Every structure is written in structure tokens, then in C-alpha cells.
Amino acid sequence: MVLNAMAFLTGTGTSTHIFSPATPQLVQAGLLSTLALQLLPRQAEASLDSKVLCDADCAASLADKERVRTASGLEYIDLVPGKGPSPRIGFQASAGPRHAGPQGPWLVVCDYVASTPQGAVFDSSLDRGAPYIIRVGAGQIVAGLDEGLQSMKLGGVRRLYVPGLLAFPKGLSAAAGRPRVPPASPVVFDVSLVMIPGLEDEEEE
């Protein structure tokens, strides 16, 4: 379950999630074990019955809400506005005491539910029982998810309406009990920004 947290959702493959080539280096650096220990209390507090970030009533309420549209074509609605910091591209959180440096990936911890525009879920961290640790700002995850995460604040929950060109250009093959995602088709991500390692205690500016 902890290793699953190091998987990246990528728009370049043909499966629902692929382990990043950077994973061995992160394990060697001690990041994986350190973040796993930090996440244990949060996982214990999470409801085991919750498999969605936006239930039916939440989804129905979005029909009357205006979407924010970015220059890329990504659209989003903040379900819960965050009150903490946003990810800072180029900052690195290392294992042990807080340390900032210019090298290395920018890691964030998030929960997500990925679905088709019709609401059929094709991937979900909630189903796996653990949030995901992913790298943002490096072009190695779904472009729309990458962009949407960068402007979120810690503690926020957002629905991303990702156009096809920012989703999975090659499509995704169907996993067991999950729908297939055709190439360059729009998708929806509900995402919760759970933790930004190294910035957890920073107050909103």
C-alpha cells in the first residue's frame, strides 16, 4: 500500500498508473519511509467508508457553479478552498529535518478520484486505501492534473475538468471492472491536497 503511494498517474502510458523511474532514488533518499510514517495518523483518521471526494449531492450542486477556465483549456471548481500554502516548483522536501534546495522533485500528497465525464470511475486512490505521493511541475503526470494541483492550497478539494489534450493522449486500457479511456478524451479528477512535505506548518500568506 505504501509503494502504491509512489506511483505517478501519467498521460504517456497505456495503463492506469505507472511507477515513476525516480522511485528507486526516492526510496534510497529515505523519503518513502519518512513520508509513510507521517501519513499513518492521517490514514487512521480517514473514514474507511468514504470512496468519493464529491458525492451525488455535491455533484448535483456543481451544475449551478461557475467554472474557472485557464489558458490551457483546463476548467475547475473548488469544492473546499484550501487555507495553506501552494506547491512551490523547484523546492525540495527531504527526509529528516526540513530542508529546502533547488534540486529534486517537488512532492505533494493527494487523494484523487478519476472518472469519465459520465461519472464512471477508472482510477481512485481511495479505493487503494492510501493517498498518493506524486511529483508536480515536472511534466510526468497527466498535464491537466499537474496544472490543477499547482494552484491548489493545502487542505483544498477541487474538481478538475480535463480536456482530452491535457489527459491521456494514448488512452488507457480498461482495468478490471473499470472503463476504458479512449485516446485524447476528456476526464474528470476530484483531488484533495493532503500534504506538502516540508510546508505542513506554513501559514497562508
N, C-alpha and C. Protein backbone atom coordinates (compact mmCIF):
# COMPACT_ATOMS: atom_id res chain seq x y z
N MET A 1 0.83 -1.20 0.00
CA MET A 1 0.00 0.00 0.00
C MET A 1 0.86 1.25 0.00
N VAL A 2 1.98 1.21 0.74
CA VAL A 2 2.87 2.36 0.75
C VAL A 2 3.53 2.54 -0.60
N LEU A 3 3.94 1.43 -1.23
CA LEU A 3 4.58 1.55 -2.54
C LEU A 3 3.64 2.13 -3.57
N ASN A 4 2.35 1.82 -3.47
CA ASN A 4 1.40 2.40 -4.40
C ASN A 4 1.42 3.92 -4.32
N ALA A 5 1.77 4.44 -3.15
CA ALA A 5 1.78 5.88 -2.97
C ALA A 5 2.86 6.55 -3.79
N MET A 6 3.80 5.77 -4.33
CA MET A 6 4.85 6.37 -5.14
C MET A 6 4.55 6.29 -6.63
N ALA A 7 3.39 5.84 -6.99
CA ALA A 7 3.05 5.74 -8.40
C ALA A 7 2.64 7.09 -8.96
N PHE A 8 2.92 7.29 -10.21
CA PHE A 8 2.53 8.51 -10.89
C PHE A 8 1.39 8.20 -11.86
N LEU A 9 0.40 9.05 -11.90
CA LEU A 9 -0.56 8.98 -12.99
C LEU A 9 0.09 9.68 -14.17
N THR A 10 0.27 8.97 -15.24
CA THR A 10 0.96 9.56 -16.37
C THR A 10 0.11 9.52 -17.62
N GLY A 11 0.23 10.54 -18.42
CA GLY A 11 -0.55 10.62 -19.65
C GLY A 11 0.16 10.02 -20.83
N THR A 12 1.32 9.40 -20.62
CA THR A 12 2.08 8.90 -21.76
C THR A 12 2.01 7.39 -21.91
N GLY A 13 1.50 6.69 -20.93
CA GLY A 13 1.45 5.24 -20.98
C GLY A 13 0.12 4.72 -21.46
N THR A 14 -0.06 3.41 -21.33
CA THR A 14 -1.31 2.79 -21.75
C THR A 14 -1.95 2.02 -20.62
N SER A 15 -1.51 2.23 -19.39
CA SER A 15 -2.15 1.60 -18.24
C SER A 15 -2.57 2.68 -17.26
N THR A 16 -3.38 2.30 -16.27
CA THR A 16 -3.99 3.31 -15.41
C THR A 16 -3.00 4.00 -14.50
N HIS A 17 -1.92 3.35 -14.09
CA HIS A 17 -0.88 4.05 -13.36
C HIS A 17 0.43 3.31 -13.52
N ILE A 18 1.51 4.07 -13.55
CA ILE A 18 2.83 3.52 -13.85
C ILE A 18 3.81 4.02 -12.80
N PHE A 19 4.68 3.15 -12.29
CA PHE A 19 5.68 3.58 -11.34
C PHE A 19 6.68 4.51 -12.01
N SER A 20 7.01 5.57 -11.33
CA SER A 20 7.95 6.55 -11.86
C SER A 20 9.36 5.98 -11.87
N PRO A 21 10.16 6.32 -12.90
CA PRO A 21 11.56 5.90 -12.89
C PRO A 21 12.33 6.47 -11.71
N ALA A 22 11.82 7.55 -11.11
CA ALA A 22 12.52 8.20 -9.99
C ALA A 22 12.31 7.47 -8.67
N THR A 23 11.39 6.50 -8.63
CA THR A 23 11.05 5.85 -7.37
C THR A 23 12.26 5.26 -6.63
N PRO A 24 13.18 4.50 -7.27
CA PRO A 24 14.31 3.95 -6.51
C PRO A 24 15.15 5.03 -5.84
N GLN A 25 15.38 6.16 -6.53
CA GLN A 25 16.16 7.23 -5.95
C GLN A 25 15.47 7.81 -4.73
N LEU A 26 14.15 7.93 -4.80
CA LEU A 26 13.40 8.48 -3.67
C LEU A 26 13.46 7.53 -2.48
N VAL A 27 13.38 6.23 -2.75
CA VAL A 27 13.47 5.25 -1.67
C VAL A 27 14.84 5.32 -1.02
N GLN A 28 15.89 5.40 -1.85
CA GLN A 28 17.24 5.46 -1.31
C GLN A 28 17.44 6.71 -0.46
N ALA A 29 16.77 7.80 -0.83
CA ALA A 29 16.93 9.05 -0.09
C ALA A 29 16.19 9.02 1.24
N GLY A 30 15.38 8.00 1.46
CA GLY A 30 14.66 7.89 2.71
C GLY A 30 13.33 8.61 2.71
N LEU A 31 12.96 9.19 1.57
CA LEU A 31 11.71 9.95 1.52
C LEU A 31 10.50 9.04 1.72
N LEU A 32 10.54 7.87 1.11
CA LEU A 32 9.37 7.00 1.16
C LEU A 32 9.03 6.61 2.59
N SER A 33 10.02 6.13 3.34
CA SER A 33 9.74 5.68 4.70
C SER A 33 9.34 6.84 5.60
N THR A 34 9.98 8.00 5.41
CA THR A 34 9.66 9.16 6.24
C THR A 34 8.23 9.63 6.00
N LEU A 35 7.86 9.75 4.72
CA LEU A 35 6.51 10.22 4.41
C LEU A 35 5.47 9.19 4.82
N ALA A 36 5.81 7.91 4.72
CA ALA A 36 4.86 6.88 5.14
C ALA A 36 4.54 7.03 6.62
N LEU A 37 5.55 7.29 7.44
CA LEU A 37 5.33 7.47 8.87
C LEU A 37 4.48 8.70 9.14
N GLN A 38 4.70 9.77 8.37
CA GLN A 38 3.91 10.99 8.55
C GLN A 38 2.46 10.76 8.17
N LEU A 39 2.23 9.87 7.21
CA LEU A 39 0.87 9.66 6.71
C LEU A 39 0.05 8.71 7.57
N LEU A 40 0.69 7.88 8.38
CA LEU A 40 -0.05 6.88 9.16
C LEU A 40 -1.15 7.47 10.02
N PRO A 41 -0.91 8.55 10.79
CA PRO A 41 -2.00 9.12 11.59
C PRO A 41 -3.14 9.64 10.73
N ARG A 42 -2.81 10.21 9.58
CA ARG A 42 -3.84 10.74 8.70
C ARG A 42 -4.69 9.63 8.12
N GLN A 43 -4.04 8.50 7.78
CA GLN A 43 -4.79 7.37 7.25
C GLN A 43 -5.71 6.78 8.31
N ALA A 44 -5.25 6.76 9.56
CA ALA A 44 -6.06 6.21 10.64
C ALA A 44 -7.30 7.05 10.89
N GLU A 45 -7.17 8.38 10.67
CA GLU A 45 -8.28 9.28 10.91
C GLU A 45 -9.29 9.25 9.76
N ALA A 46 -8.85 8.82 8.59
CA ALA A 46 -9.73 8.85 7.42
C ALA A 46 -10.84 7.81 7.55
N SER A 47 -12.01 8.15 7.01
CA SER A 47 -13.14 7.23 7.04
C SER A 47 -12.95 6.12 6.02
N LEU A 48 -13.06 4.88 6.48
CA LEU A 48 -12.91 3.76 5.57
C LEU A 48 -14.10 3.63 4.64
N ASP A 49 -15.22 4.27 4.99
CA ASP A 49 -16.43 4.16 4.18
C ASP A 49 -16.45 5.17 3.04
N SER A 50 -15.59 6.17 3.08
CA SER A 50 -15.62 7.22 2.09
C SER A 50 -14.82 6.81 0.86
N LYS A 51 -15.49 6.65 -0.27
CA LYS A 51 -14.83 6.28 -1.51
C LYS A 51 -14.95 7.38 -2.56
N VAL A 52 -15.45 8.53 -2.16
CA VAL A 52 -15.60 9.65 -3.09
C VAL A 52 -15.15 10.93 -2.40
N LEU A 53 -14.78 11.91 -3.20
CA LEU A 53 -14.46 13.24 -2.70
C LEU A 53 -15.61 14.21 -2.97
N CYS A 54 -16.51 13.80 -3.86
CA CYS A 54 -17.70 14.60 -4.17
C CYS A 54 -18.84 13.63 -4.41
N ASP A 55 -19.79 13.56 -3.45
CA ASP A 55 -20.89 12.60 -3.56
C ASP A 55 -21.96 13.11 -4.53
N ALA A 56 -23.08 12.41 -4.61
CA ALA A 56 -24.13 12.74 -5.57
C ALA A 56 -24.69 14.14 -5.34
N ASP A 57 -24.91 14.50 -4.08
CA ASP A 57 -25.43 15.83 -3.78
C ASP A 57 -24.42 16.91 -4.15
N CYS A 58 -23.16 16.64 -3.88
CA CYS A 58 -22.09 17.57 -4.25
C CYS A 58 -22.06 17.75 -5.76
N ALA A 59 -22.10 16.65 -6.50
CA ALA A 59 -22.04 16.72 -7.96
C ALA A 59 -23.23 17.49 -8.52
N ALA A 60 -24.41 17.29 -7.94
CA ALA A 60 -25.61 17.99 -8.41
C ALA A 60 -25.49 19.49 -8.18
N SER A 61 -24.85 19.87 -7.09
CA SER A 61 -24.72 21.30 -6.77
C SER A 61 -23.77 22.03 -7.70
N LEU A 62 -22.91 21.29 -8.39
CA LEU A 62 -21.92 21.92 -9.26
C LEU A 62 -22.52 22.46 -10.55
N ALA A 63 -23.73 22.01 -10.88
CA ALA A 63 -24.37 22.45 -12.12
C ALA A 63 -24.58 23.96 -12.14
N ASP A 64 -24.79 24.55 -10.97
CA ASP A 64 -25.05 25.98 -10.88
C ASP A 64 -23.81 26.80 -10.56
N LYS A 65 -22.67 26.15 -10.46
CA LYS A 65 -21.45 26.87 -10.11
C LYS A 65 -20.62 27.18 -11.35
N GLU A 66 -20.03 28.36 -11.34
CA GLU A 66 -19.21 28.78 -12.47
C GLU A 66 -17.83 28.12 -12.38
N ARG A 67 -17.36 27.62 -13.50
CA ARG A 67 -16.04 27.02 -13.55
C ARG A 67 -14.98 28.07 -13.85
N VAL A 68 -13.81 27.89 -13.25
CA VAL A 68 -12.65 28.70 -13.61
C VAL A 68 -11.99 28.04 -14.81
N ARG A 69 -11.71 28.82 -15.83
CA ARG A 69 -11.08 28.28 -17.04
C ARG A 69 -9.70 28.89 -17.21
N THR A 70 -8.70 28.07 -17.42
CA THR A 70 -7.33 28.55 -17.60
C THR A 70 -7.01 28.67 -19.08
N ALA A 71 -5.85 29.25 -19.38
CA ALA A 71 -5.46 29.46 -20.77
C ALA A 71 -5.28 28.14 -21.53
N SER A 72 -4.96 27.08 -20.82
CA SER A 72 -4.75 25.78 -21.46
C SER A 72 -6.04 25.08 -21.85
N GLY A 73 -7.16 25.54 -21.29
CA GLY A 73 -8.44 24.88 -21.51
C GLY A 73 -8.90 24.07 -20.31
N LEU A 74 -8.05 23.91 -19.31
CA LEU A 74 -8.44 23.24 -18.07
C LEU A 74 -9.51 24.07 -17.36
N GLU A 75 -10.51 23.39 -16.81
CA GLU A 75 -11.54 24.05 -16.02
C GLU A 75 -11.59 23.39 -14.64
N TYR A 76 -11.95 24.19 -13.63
CA TYR A 76 -12.05 23.60 -12.29
C TYR A 76 -13.03 24.36 -11.42
N ILE A 77 -13.49 23.67 -10.39
CA ILE A 77 -14.33 24.25 -9.34
C ILE A 77 -13.74 23.82 -8.01
N ASP A 78 -13.53 24.76 -7.12
CA ASP A 78 -13.04 24.41 -5.79
C ASP A 78 -14.21 23.95 -4.93
N LEU A 79 -14.17 22.70 -4.52
CA LEU A 79 -15.21 22.15 -3.64
C LEU A 79 -14.98 22.59 -2.20
N VAL A 80 -13.72 22.59 -1.81
CA VAL A 80 -13.30 23.09 -0.49
C VAL A 80 -12.06 23.94 -0.71
N PRO A 81 -12.14 25.26 -0.52
CA PRO A 81 -10.95 26.10 -0.70
C PRO A 81 -9.90 25.77 0.37
N GLY A 82 -8.68 25.56 -0.06
CA GLY A 82 -7.62 25.31 0.91
C GLY A 82 -7.21 26.59 1.62
N LYS A 83 -6.56 26.44 2.76
CA LYS A 83 -6.13 27.59 3.54
C LYS A 83 -4.62 27.60 3.79
N GLY A 84 -3.93 26.60 3.27
CA GLY A 84 -2.49 26.52 3.48
C GLY A 84 -1.72 27.00 2.27
N PRO A 85 -0.42 26.65 2.21
CA PRO A 85 0.42 27.06 1.08
C PRO A 85 0.11 26.26 -0.17
N SER A 86 0.61 26.75 -1.30
CA SER A 86 0.53 26.04 -2.57
C SER A 86 1.90 25.43 -2.86
N PRO A 87 1.95 24.40 -3.72
CA PRO A 87 3.25 23.82 -4.08
C PRO A 87 4.15 24.87 -4.72
N ARG A 88 5.43 24.81 -4.42
CA ARG A 88 6.40 25.73 -5.00
C ARG A 88 7.34 24.93 -5.89
N ILE A 89 7.26 25.17 -7.16
CA ILE A 89 8.08 24.42 -8.10
C ILE A 89 9.55 24.76 -7.88
N GLY A 90 10.39 23.74 -7.77
CA GLY A 90 11.80 23.94 -7.55
C GLY A 90 12.22 23.76 -6.11
N PHE A 91 11.24 23.64 -5.20
CA PHE A 91 11.53 23.41 -3.78
C PHE A 91 11.57 21.92 -3.54
N GLN A 92 12.49 21.48 -2.71
CA GLN A 92 12.59 20.06 -2.38
C GLN A 92 12.44 19.84 -0.89
N ALA A 93 11.61 18.90 -0.52
CA ALA A 93 11.50 18.49 0.88
C ALA A 93 12.23 17.16 1.03
N SER A 94 13.22 17.11 1.88
CA SER A 94 14.00 15.89 2.04
C SER A 94 13.60 15.18 3.32
N ALA A 95 14.12 13.97 3.51
CA ALA A 95 13.83 13.21 4.72
C ALA A 95 14.50 13.88 5.91
N GLY A 96 13.95 13.64 7.09
CA GLY A 96 14.53 14.21 8.30
C GLY A 96 14.08 15.65 8.49
N PRO A 97 14.93 16.49 9.09
CA PRO A 97 14.55 17.89 9.33
C PRO A 97 14.25 18.60 8.03
N ARG A 98 13.45 19.63 8.11
CA ARG A 98 13.07 20.39 6.92
C ARG A 98 14.31 20.93 6.22
N HIS A 99 14.31 20.79 4.91
CA HIS A 99 15.45 21.28 4.14
C HIS A 99 14.95 21.69 2.77
N ALA A 100 15.30 22.89 2.35
CA ALA A 100 14.91 23.38 1.03
C ALA A 100 16.12 23.41 0.13
N GLY A 101 15.92 23.01 -1.11
CA GLY A 101 17.02 23.05 -2.05
C GLY A 101 16.50 23.16 -3.47
N PRO A 102 17.35 23.55 -4.41
CA PRO A 102 16.90 23.78 -5.77
C PRO A 102 16.76 22.53 -6.61
N GLN A 103 17.34 21.39 -6.15
CA GLN A 103 17.27 20.19 -6.97
C GLN A 103 16.16 19.26 -6.50
N GLY A 104 15.88 18.29 -7.35
CA GLY A 104 14.96 17.23 -6.95
C GLY A 104 13.52 17.52 -7.26
N PRO A 105 12.67 16.49 -7.14
CA PRO A 105 11.25 16.63 -7.45
C PRO A 105 10.52 17.41 -6.37
N TRP A 106 9.42 18.01 -6.77
CA TRP A 106 8.54 18.67 -5.80
C TRP A 106 7.42 17.68 -5.51
N LEU A 107 7.34 17.20 -4.29
CA LEU A 107 6.40 16.15 -3.94
C LEU A 107 5.19 16.72 -3.23
N VAL A 108 4.02 16.21 -3.57
CA VAL A 108 2.80 16.52 -2.84
C VAL A 108 2.08 15.21 -2.58
N VAL A 109 1.28 15.19 -1.55
CA VAL A 109 0.49 14.02 -1.20
C VAL A 109 -0.97 14.36 -1.45
N CYS A 110 -1.64 13.54 -2.22
CA CYS A 110 -3.03 13.85 -2.54
C CYS A 110 -3.87 12.58 -2.64
N ASP A 111 -5.15 12.75 -2.45
CA ASP A 111 -6.14 11.73 -2.79
C ASP A 111 -6.83 12.18 -4.06
N TYR A 112 -7.24 11.23 -4.88
CA TYR A 112 -7.94 11.60 -6.11
C TYR A 112 -8.91 10.51 -6.52
N VAL A 113 -9.91 10.93 -7.26
CA VAL A 113 -10.84 10.01 -7.92
C VAL A 113 -10.91 10.46 -9.37
N ALA A 114 -10.55 9.59 -10.30
CA ALA A 114 -10.54 9.91 -11.72
C ALA A 114 -11.70 9.21 -12.41
N SER A 115 -12.45 9.97 -13.20
CA SER A 115 -13.64 9.40 -13.84
C SER A 115 -13.83 9.96 -15.24
N THR A 116 -14.70 9.31 -15.98
CA THR A 116 -15.12 9.84 -17.27
C THR A 116 -16.12 10.97 -17.03
N PRO A 117 -16.41 11.79 -18.05
CA PRO A 117 -17.41 12.85 -17.86
C PRO A 117 -18.78 12.31 -17.47
N GLN A 118 -19.05 11.03 -17.77
CA GLN A 118 -20.33 10.42 -17.41
C GLN A 118 -20.34 9.90 -15.96
N GLY A 119 -19.19 9.99 -15.27
CA GLY A 119 -19.14 9.60 -13.87
C GLY A 119 -18.62 8.21 -13.60
N ALA A 120 -18.15 7.49 -14.62
CA ALA A 120 -17.60 6.14 -14.42
C ALA A 120 -16.16 6.25 -13.94
N VAL A 121 -15.88 5.76 -12.74
CA VAL A 121 -14.55 5.87 -12.14
C VAL A 121 -13.59 4.87 -12.80
N PHE A 122 -12.40 5.37 -13.23
CA PHE A 122 -11.41 4.45 -13.80
C PHE A 122 -10.15 4.35 -12.95
N ASP A 123 -9.99 5.19 -11.95
CA ASP A 123 -8.87 5.07 -11.03
C ASP A 123 -9.17 5.88 -9.78
N SER A 124 -8.71 5.41 -8.62
CA SER A 124 -9.01 6.11 -7.37
C SER A 124 -8.02 5.70 -6.28
N SER A 125 -7.40 6.69 -5.64
CA SER A 125 -6.53 6.39 -4.51
C SER A 125 -7.35 5.93 -3.31
N LEU A 126 -8.60 6.38 -3.22
CA LEU A 126 -9.45 6.00 -2.10
C LEU A 126 -9.75 4.50 -2.12
N ASP A 127 -9.87 3.94 -3.32
CA ASP A 127 -10.11 2.50 -3.43
C ASP A 127 -8.90 1.70 -2.95
N ARG A 128 -7.71 2.29 -3.06
CA ARG A 128 -6.49 1.59 -2.65
C ARG A 128 -6.19 1.78 -1.17
N GLY A 129 -6.90 2.71 -0.54
CA GLY A 129 -6.75 2.88 0.90
C GLY A 129 -5.58 3.73 1.34
N ALA A 130 -4.95 4.46 0.43
CA ALA A 130 -3.82 5.32 0.80
C ALA A 130 -3.71 6.47 -0.18
N PRO A 131 -3.37 7.66 0.31
CA PRO A 131 -3.14 8.78 -0.62
C PRO A 131 -1.90 8.52 -1.46
N TYR A 132 -1.74 9.28 -2.52
CA TYR A 132 -0.61 9.11 -3.42
C TYR A 132 0.40 10.22 -3.21
N ILE A 133 1.67 9.88 -3.33
CA ILE A 133 2.75 10.85 -3.34
C ILE A 133 3.15 11.03 -4.80
N ILE A 134 2.98 12.21 -5.33
CA ILE A 134 3.26 12.43 -6.73
C ILE A 134 4.15 13.66 -6.91
N ARG A 135 4.76 13.75 -8.06
CA ARG A 135 5.64 14.87 -8.38
C ARG A 135 4.90 15.82 -9.32
N VAL A 136 4.90 17.09 -8.98
CA VAL A 136 4.23 18.08 -9.82
C VAL A 136 5.26 19.03 -10.42
N GLY A 137 4.88 19.64 -11.54
CA GLY A 137 5.74 20.62 -12.18
C GLY A 137 6.89 20.03 -12.97
N ALA A 138 6.87 18.72 -13.19
CA ALA A 138 7.97 18.06 -13.90
C ALA A 138 7.49 17.44 -15.21
N GLY A 139 6.22 17.60 -15.53
CA GLY A 139 5.69 17.06 -16.78
C GLY A 139 5.60 15.56 -16.80
N GLN A 140 5.52 14.91 -15.64
CA GLN A 140 5.50 13.45 -15.60
C GLN A 140 4.17 12.88 -15.14
N ILE A 141 3.18 13.73 -14.92
CA ILE A 141 1.83 13.24 -14.63
C ILE A 141 0.88 13.86 -15.64
N VAL A 142 -0.36 13.46 -15.62
CA VAL A 142 -1.36 14.00 -16.53
C VAL A 142 -1.30 15.52 -16.50
N ALA A 143 -1.18 16.14 -17.67
CA ALA A 143 -0.95 17.58 -17.75
C ALA A 143 -2.02 18.39 -17.02
N GLY A 144 -3.28 17.99 -17.17
CA GLY A 144 -4.36 18.73 -16.52
C GLY A 144 -4.31 18.60 -15.01
N LEU A 145 -3.96 17.41 -14.52
CA LEU A 145 -3.82 17.20 -13.08
C LEU A 145 -2.63 17.98 -12.54
N ASP A 146 -1.54 17.97 -13.29
CA ASP A 146 -0.33 18.71 -12.91
C ASP A 146 -0.65 20.20 -12.75
N GLU A 147 -1.30 20.77 -13.75
CA GLU A 147 -1.64 22.19 -13.70
C GLU A 147 -2.61 22.50 -12.57
N GLY A 148 -3.61 21.66 -12.41
CA GLY A 148 -4.62 21.90 -11.39
C GLY A 148 -4.07 21.84 -9.97
N LEU A 149 -3.14 20.94 -9.72
CA LEU A 149 -2.55 20.81 -8.39
C LEU A 149 -1.69 22.02 -8.02
N GLN A 150 -1.00 22.59 -9.00
CA GLN A 150 -0.05 23.65 -8.71
C GLN A 150 -0.70 24.90 -8.14
N SER A 151 -1.95 25.15 -8.46
CA SER A 151 -2.63 26.36 -7.95
C SER A 151 -3.52 26.07 -6.75
N MET A 152 -3.54 24.81 -6.29
CA MET A 152 -4.32 24.48 -5.10
C MET A 152 -3.58 24.89 -3.84
N LYS A 153 -4.34 25.06 -2.76
CA LYS A 153 -3.76 25.31 -1.45
C LYS A 153 -3.96 24.08 -0.57
N LEU A 154 -3.03 23.90 0.35
CA LEU A 154 -3.07 22.76 1.25
C LEU A 154 -4.42 22.66 1.95
N GLY A 155 -5.01 21.48 1.95
CA GLY A 155 -6.31 21.27 2.57
C GLY A 155 -7.47 21.44 1.61
N GLY A 156 -7.19 21.87 0.39
CA GLY A 156 -8.25 22.11 -0.58
C GLY A 156 -8.71 20.84 -1.28
N VAL A 157 -9.94 20.89 -1.78
CA VAL A 157 -10.51 19.82 -2.60
C VAL A 157 -11.04 20.47 -3.87
N ARG A 158 -10.68 19.95 -5.02
CA ARG A 158 -11.01 20.59 -6.30
C ARG A 158 -11.48 19.56 -7.30
N ARG A 159 -12.44 19.95 -8.12
CA ARG A 159 -12.83 19.13 -9.27
C ARG A 159 -12.21 19.73 -10.52
N LEU A 160 -11.45 18.90 -11.23
CA LEU A 160 -10.78 19.32 -12.46
C LEU A 160 -11.50 18.72 -13.66
N TYR A 161 -11.85 19.57 -14.60
CA TYR A 161 -12.43 19.13 -15.87
C TYR A 161 -11.31 19.20 -16.90
N VAL A 162 -10.74 18.05 -17.21
CA VAL A 162 -9.53 18.00 -18.02
C VAL A 162 -9.87 17.70 -19.48
N PRO A 163 -9.55 18.62 -20.41
CA PRO A 163 -9.81 18.34 -21.82
C PRO A 163 -8.90 17.24 -22.34
N GLY A 164 -9.29 16.63 -23.44
CA GLY A 164 -8.58 15.47 -23.95
C GLY A 164 -7.10 15.67 -24.18
N LEU A 165 -6.71 16.84 -24.69
CA LEU A 165 -5.31 17.08 -24.99
C LEU A 165 -4.46 17.19 -23.72
N LEU A 166 -5.09 17.42 -22.58
CA LEU A 166 -4.36 17.51 -21.31
C LEU A 166 -4.55 16.26 -20.46
N ALA A 167 -5.14 15.22 -21.05
CA ALA A 167 -5.44 14.00 -20.30
C ALA A 167 -4.53 12.85 -20.74
N PHE A 168 -5.07 11.87 -21.44
CA PHE A 168 -4.31 10.69 -21.84
C PHE A 168 -4.29 10.61 -23.37
N PRO A 169 -3.28 11.19 -24.01
CA PRO A 169 -3.23 11.20 -25.48
C PRO A 169 -3.31 9.81 -26.11
N LYS A 170 -2.74 8.81 -25.43
CA LYS A 170 -2.76 7.44 -25.96
C LYS A 170 -3.90 6.61 -25.39
N GLY A 171 -4.69 7.21 -24.51
CA GLY A 171 -5.78 6.48 -23.90
C GLY A 171 -5.31 5.57 -22.77
N LEU A 172 -6.26 4.92 -22.13
CA LEU A 172 -5.96 3.96 -21.06
C LEU A 172 -6.74 2.69 -21.31
N SER A 173 -6.05 1.56 -21.21
CA SER A 173 -6.75 0.29 -21.34
C SER A 173 -7.59 0.06 -20.09
N ALA A 174 -8.64 -0.70 -20.23
CA ALA A 174 -9.57 -0.93 -19.13
C ALA A 174 -8.95 -1.85 -18.09
N ALA A 175 -8.96 -1.42 -16.83
CA ALA A 175 -8.57 -2.29 -15.72
C ALA A 175 -9.79 -3.12 -15.34
N ALA A 176 -9.60 -4.12 -14.50
CA ALA A 176 -10.70 -4.99 -14.10
C ALA A 176 -11.82 -4.19 -13.46
N GLY A 177 -13.00 -4.27 -14.05
CA GLY A 177 -14.16 -3.57 -13.52
C GLY A 177 -14.16 -2.08 -13.75
N ARG A 178 -13.24 -1.60 -14.58
CA ARG A 178 -13.12 -0.17 -14.85
C ARG A 178 -13.33 0.11 -16.34
N PRO A 179 -13.79 1.30 -16.67
CA PRO A 179 -14.00 1.62 -18.08
C PRO A 179 -12.69 1.94 -18.79
N ARG A 180 -12.66 1.75 -20.08
CA ARG A 180 -11.54 2.17 -20.92
C ARG A 180 -11.64 3.67 -21.16
N VAL A 181 -10.51 4.34 -21.24
CA VAL A 181 -10.49 5.76 -21.58
C VAL A 181 -9.93 5.90 -22.99
N PRO A 182 -10.75 6.33 -23.96
CA PRO A 182 -10.27 6.47 -25.34
C PRO A 182 -9.17 7.53 -25.44
N PRO A 183 -8.33 7.44 -26.46
CA PRO A 183 -7.27 8.44 -26.64
C PRO A 183 -7.83 9.86 -26.71
N ALA A 184 -7.14 10.78 -26.05
CA ALA A 184 -7.45 12.21 -26.09
C ALA A 184 -8.91 12.52 -25.77
N SER A 185 -9.48 11.78 -24.82
CA SER A 185 -10.86 12.05 -24.41
C SER A 185 -10.84 12.80 -23.08
N PRO A 186 -11.81 13.67 -22.82
CA PRO A 186 -11.84 14.43 -21.57
C PRO A 186 -12.07 13.52 -20.37
N VAL A 187 -11.52 13.91 -19.24
CA VAL A 187 -11.70 13.18 -17.99
C VAL A 187 -11.94 14.17 -16.86
N VAL A 188 -12.35 13.65 -15.72
CA VAL A 188 -12.62 14.48 -14.54
C VAL A 188 -11.80 13.94 -13.37
N PHE A 189 -11.12 14.83 -12.68
CA PHE A 189 -10.40 14.47 -11.46
C PHE A 189 -10.98 15.23 -10.28
N ASP A 190 -11.38 14.52 -9.24
CA ASP A 190 -11.62 15.13 -7.94
C ASP A 190 -10.35 14.89 -7.13
N VAL A 191 -9.75 15.96 -6.64
CA VAL A 191 -8.45 15.83 -5.98
C VAL A 191 -8.42 16.61 -4.67
N SER A 192 -7.83 16.00 -3.66
CA SER A 192 -7.67 16.62 -2.34
C SER A 192 -6.18 16.74 -2.04
N LEU A 193 -5.71 17.95 -1.76
CA LEU A 193 -4.30 18.17 -1.46
C LEU A 193 -4.08 17.93 0.04
N VAL A 194 -3.59 16.74 0.36
CA VAL A 194 -3.49 16.27 1.74
C VAL A 194 -2.28 16.83 2.47
N MET A 195 -1.13 16.84 1.80
CA MET A 195 0.10 17.24 2.47
C MET A 195 1.10 17.77 1.46
N ILE A 196 1.88 18.78 1.85
CA ILE A 196 3.02 19.23 1.08
C ILE A 196 4.23 19.06 1.99
N PRO A 197 4.97 17.96 1.87
CA PRO A 197 6.07 17.69 2.80
C PRO A 197 7.06 18.84 2.86
N GLY A 198 7.32 19.31 4.07
CA GLY A 198 8.22 20.43 4.27
C GLY A 198 7.52 21.75 4.47
N LEU A 199 6.23 21.82 4.08
CA LEU A 199 5.47 23.06 4.23
C LEU A 199 4.21 22.86 5.06
N GLU A 200 4.13 21.75 5.81
CA GLU A 200 2.89 21.43 6.53
C GLU A 200 2.50 22.51 7.53
N ASP A 201 3.49 23.13 8.15
CA ASP A 201 3.21 24.08 9.23
C ASP A 201 3.18 25.52 8.78
N GLU A 202 3.40 25.74 7.48
CA GLU A 202 3.45 27.11 6.98
C GLU A 202 2.05 27.69 6.90
N GLU A 203 1.85 28.90 7.36
CA GLU A 203 0.55 29.54 7.34
C GLU A 203 0.30 30.18 5.99
N GLU A 204 -0.98 30.42 5.72
CA GLU A 204 -1.37 31.06 4.47
C GLU A 204 -0.80 32.45 4.42
N GLU A 205 -0.24 32.82 3.24
CA GLU A 205 0.33 34.15 3.09
C GLU A 205 -0.76 35.17 2.85
